[in-house]
Amino acid sequence: MEEEIYNKVVALIAANNHISPETITIDSSFEDLAMDSLDGLTLINDLENEYNITLPNEEAVKIKTVRQAVNSLNKIITQQ
């Protein structure tokens, strides 16, 4: 499941920010990818819609890297 989530996160970041997916790694920070806070919120919203989940706000605001996004999503999805 983690690999599927990672691939979806990368695809959404690449599409929303018009960058090549090959430039995104698990350790990329949103700052490294030139994502601002609005880009981060858009990503979180897209992921919530994709997986039909809701990330708690206190969890969502902590997500600043691809790894954190994948881990947070995996945690929420596996608890369902």
Protein backbone atom coordinates (compact mmCIF):
# COMPACT_ATOMS: atom_id res chain seq x y z
CA MET A 1 0.00 0.00 0.00
CA GLU A 2 2.83 2.42 0.82
CA GLU A 3 4.24 2.17 -2.69
CA GLU A 4 0.82 2.91 -4.19
CA ILE A 5 0.46 5.95 -1.92
CA TYR A 6 3.97 7.14 -2.78
CA ASN A 7 3.24 6.85 -6.51
CA LYS A 8 -0.02 8.79 -6.11
CA VAL A 9 1.68 11.54 -4.05
CA VAL A 10 4.43 11.89 -6.66
CA ALA A 11 1.92 11.95 -9.52
CA LEU A 12 -0.18 14.65 -7.86
CA ILE A 13 2.82 16.81 -6.98
CA ALA A 14 4.18 16.49 -10.51
CA ALA A 15 0.84 17.32 -12.12
CA ASN A 16 -0.07 20.19 -9.82
CA ASN A 17 3.36 21.82 -9.93
CA HIS A 18 4.29 21.05 -13.54
CA ILE A 19 7.49 19.21 -12.68
CA SER A 20 8.88 15.88 -13.76
CA PRO A 21 8.00 12.96 -11.47
CA GLU A 22 11.60 11.75 -11.80
CA THR A 23 12.77 14.81 -9.83
CA ILE A 24 10.67 13.83 -6.80
CA THR A 25 12.02 11.40 -4.21
CA ILE A 26 10.65 10.08 -0.94
CA ASP A 27 12.96 12.51 0.87
CA SER A 28 11.96 15.59 -1.15
CA SER A 29 10.60 18.40 0.97
CA PHE A 30 7.84 20.60 -0.33
CA GLU A 31 10.32 23.46 -0.10
CA ASP A 32 12.78 21.55 -2.34
CA LEU A 33 9.95 21.16 -4.85
CA ALA A 34 9.13 24.91 -4.73
CA MET A 35 5.75 24.18 -3.16
CA ASP A 36 4.20 26.87 -1.02
CA SER A 37 1.59 26.37 1.71
CA LEU A 38 -1.28 26.61 -0.79
CA ASP A 39 0.33 23.89 -2.92
CA GLY A 40 0.60 21.73 0.20
CA LEU A 41 -3.08 22.26 1.04
CA THR A 42 -4.07 21.44 -2.53
CA LEU A 43 -2.06 18.21 -2.35
CA ILE A 44 -3.65 17.21 0.96
CA ASN A 45 -7.13 17.97 -0.40
CA ASP A 46 -6.46 15.96 -3.57
CA LEU A 47 -5.19 13.01 -1.52
CA GLU A 48 -8.17 13.14 0.83
CA ASN A 49 -10.49 13.05 -2.19
CA GLU A 50 -8.50 10.27 -3.87
CA TYR A 51 -8.61 7.98 -0.83
CA ASN A 52 -11.94 9.19 0.60
CA ILE A 53 -10.36 10.05 3.95
CA THR A 54 -9.97 13.09 6.14
CA LEU A 55 -6.61 13.94 7.62
CA PRO A 56 -6.94 15.71 10.97
CA ASN A 57 -5.86 19.35 10.65
CA GLU A 58 -3.16 18.94 13.29
CA GLU A 59 -1.70 16.08 11.23
CA ALA A 60 -2.07 17.84 7.87
CA VAL A 61 -0.19 20.99 8.93
CA LYS A 62 2.83 18.89 9.92
CA ILE A 63 3.25 17.42 6.44
CA LYS A 64 6.25 19.10 4.82
CA THR A 65 7.85 16.22 2.89
CA VAL A 66 6.84 13.43 0.55
CA ARG A 67 7.75 10.88 3.23
CA GLN A 68 5.51 12.58 5.80
CA ALA A 69 2.62 12.65 3.33
CA VAL A 70 3.03 8.94 2.55
CA ASN A 71 3.36 7.96 6.23
CA SER A 72 0.35 10.03 7.31
CA LEU A 73 -1.84 8.65 4.55
CA ASN A 74 -0.73 5.09 5.15
CA LYS A 75 -1.50 5.46 8.86
CA ILE A 76 -5.02 6.81 8.23
CA ILE A 77 -5.84 4.31 5.49
CA THR A 78 -4.68 1.25 7.44
CA GLN A 79 -6.77 2.32 10.46
CA GLN A 80 -9.99 2.20 8.42
